Amino acid sequence: MKRSHASNVDGASTAVFSGAACPLPQRRGLNRSVAAGYIGLGTTKFDTLVEDGRMPKPKKIDGRRVWDRVAIDRAFEELDGCGTAETNPWDD
């Protein structure tokens, strides 16, 4: 059985066995550029959100900075306007 891997933009991998795709677990730790891209931002804006506390600070693992995807998800949910359709000015 031949096996290969492919990754998509959110870091999830898919193992392919003889033409059948099987999703592998999503990556939990993200580097800076992947973390920024995960929420649809560039690294400069992401850095600003980390500095002002709207996004979490990274964990340090042997000198590397790694962002927790789950913590990013929680912080993203807390951003202004997220999930509050009543306050959307375009609905008027």
Protein backbone atom coordinates (compact mmCIF):
# COMPACT_ATOMS: atom_id res chain seq x y z
CA MET A 1 0.00 0.00 0.00
CA LYS A 2 1.54 3.29 -1.09
CA ARG A 3 1.37 6.15 1.43
CA SER A 4 1.92 9.88 0.94
CA HIS A 5 1.11 13.06 2.87
CA ALA A 6 -0.34 16.42 1.88
CA SER A 7 -0.82 19.51 4.07
CA ASN A 8 -3.44 22.19 3.71
CA VAL A 9 -3.26 25.85 4.80
CA ASP A 10 -4.41 25.27 8.38
CA GLY A 11 -1.69 22.72 9.04
CA ALA A 12 -3.87 19.63 8.83
CA SER A 13 -2.34 16.71 7.02
CA THR A 14 -3.96 14.00 5.02
CA ALA A 15 -2.46 10.56 4.58
CA VAL A 16 -3.31 8.95 1.29
CA PHE A 17 -3.35 5.17 1.07
CA SER A 18 -3.92 3.74 -2.40
CA GLY A 19 -6.17 6.63 -3.40
CA ALA A 20 -8.22 6.81 -0.13
CA ALA A 21 -7.72 9.96 1.97
CA CYS A 22 -7.60 9.72 5.76
CA PRO A 23 -7.28 12.98 7.75
CA LEU A 24 -4.48 13.11 10.33
CA PRO A 25 -4.72 15.21 13.52
CA GLN A 26 -4.42 18.97 13.04
CA ARG A 27 -1.17 20.56 14.22
CA ARG A 28 -1.51 22.06 17.73
CA GLY A 29 1.62 24.23 17.75
CA LEU A 30 2.04 26.87 15.04
CA ASN A 31 5.00 29.04 14.16
CA ARG A 32 4.48 32.80 13.82
CA SER A 33 3.73 32.94 10.11
CA VAL A 34 1.37 29.94 10.21
CA ALA A 35 -0.39 31.32 13.31
CA ALA A 36 -0.92 34.66 11.55
CA GLY A 37 -2.17 32.97 8.39
CA TYR A 38 -4.45 30.71 10.43
CA ILE A 39 -6.55 33.75 11.37
CA GLY A 40 -6.16 35.42 8.00
CA LEU A 41 -3.60 38.08 8.91
CA GLY A 42 -0.07 39.01 7.99
CA THR A 43 2.72 38.64 10.53
CA THR A 44 2.98 42.38 11.28
CA LYS A 45 -0.69 42.70 12.25
CA PHE A 46 -0.52 39.42 14.17
CA ASP A 47 2.48 40.75 16.15
CA THR A 48 0.46 43.87 17.00
CA LEU A 49 -2.42 41.73 18.31
CA VAL A 50 0.01 39.66 20.42
CA GLU A 51 1.64 42.82 21.81
CA ASP A 52 -1.68 44.40 22.81
CA GLY A 53 -3.03 41.16 24.30
CA ARG A 54 -5.76 40.38 21.76
CA MET A 55 -3.85 37.25 20.68
CA PRO A 56 -1.98 34.94 23.08
CA LYS A 57 1.75 35.02 23.63
CA PRO A 58 3.70 32.05 22.31
CA LYS A 59 5.02 29.15 24.35
CA LYS A 60 8.80 28.78 24.31
CA ILE A 61 10.07 25.32 23.43
CA ASP A 62 13.88 25.03 23.41
CA GLY A 63 14.27 28.60 22.16
CA ARG A 64 11.47 28.35 19.58
CA ARG A 65 8.27 30.38 19.83
CA VAL A 66 5.18 28.24 19.24
CA TRP A 67 1.56 29.43 19.35
CA ASP A 68 -1.14 27.13 20.69
CA ARG A 69 -3.85 26.77 18.01
CA VAL A 70 -6.56 26.25 20.67
CA ALA A 71 -5.52 29.46 22.50
CA ILE A 72 -5.61 31.32 19.17
CA ASP A 73 -9.13 29.99 18.54
CA ARG A 74 -10.29 31.21 21.97
CA ALA A 75 -8.71 34.64 21.47
CA PHE A 76 -10.22 34.93 17.98
CA GLU A 77 -13.69 34.23 19.40
CA GLU A 78 -13.20 37.13 21.85
CA LEU A 79 -12.35 39.70 19.17
CA ASP A 80 -14.90 42.50 18.74
CA GLY A 81 -17.74 41.68 16.40
CA CYS A 82 -17.13 37.94 16.38
CA GLY A 83 -20.51 36.22 16.46
CA THR A 84 -22.49 39.41 17.15
CA ALA A 85 -24.71 39.85 14.11
CA GLU A 86 -26.86 42.45 15.96
CA THR A 87 -24.02 44.98 15.91
CA ASN A 88 -23.17 44.64 12.21
CA PRO A 89 -23.63 48.12 10.64
CA TRP A 90 -24.12 46.56 7.18
CA ASP A 91 -27.38 44.94 8.34
CA ASP A 92 -29.17 48.33 8.53
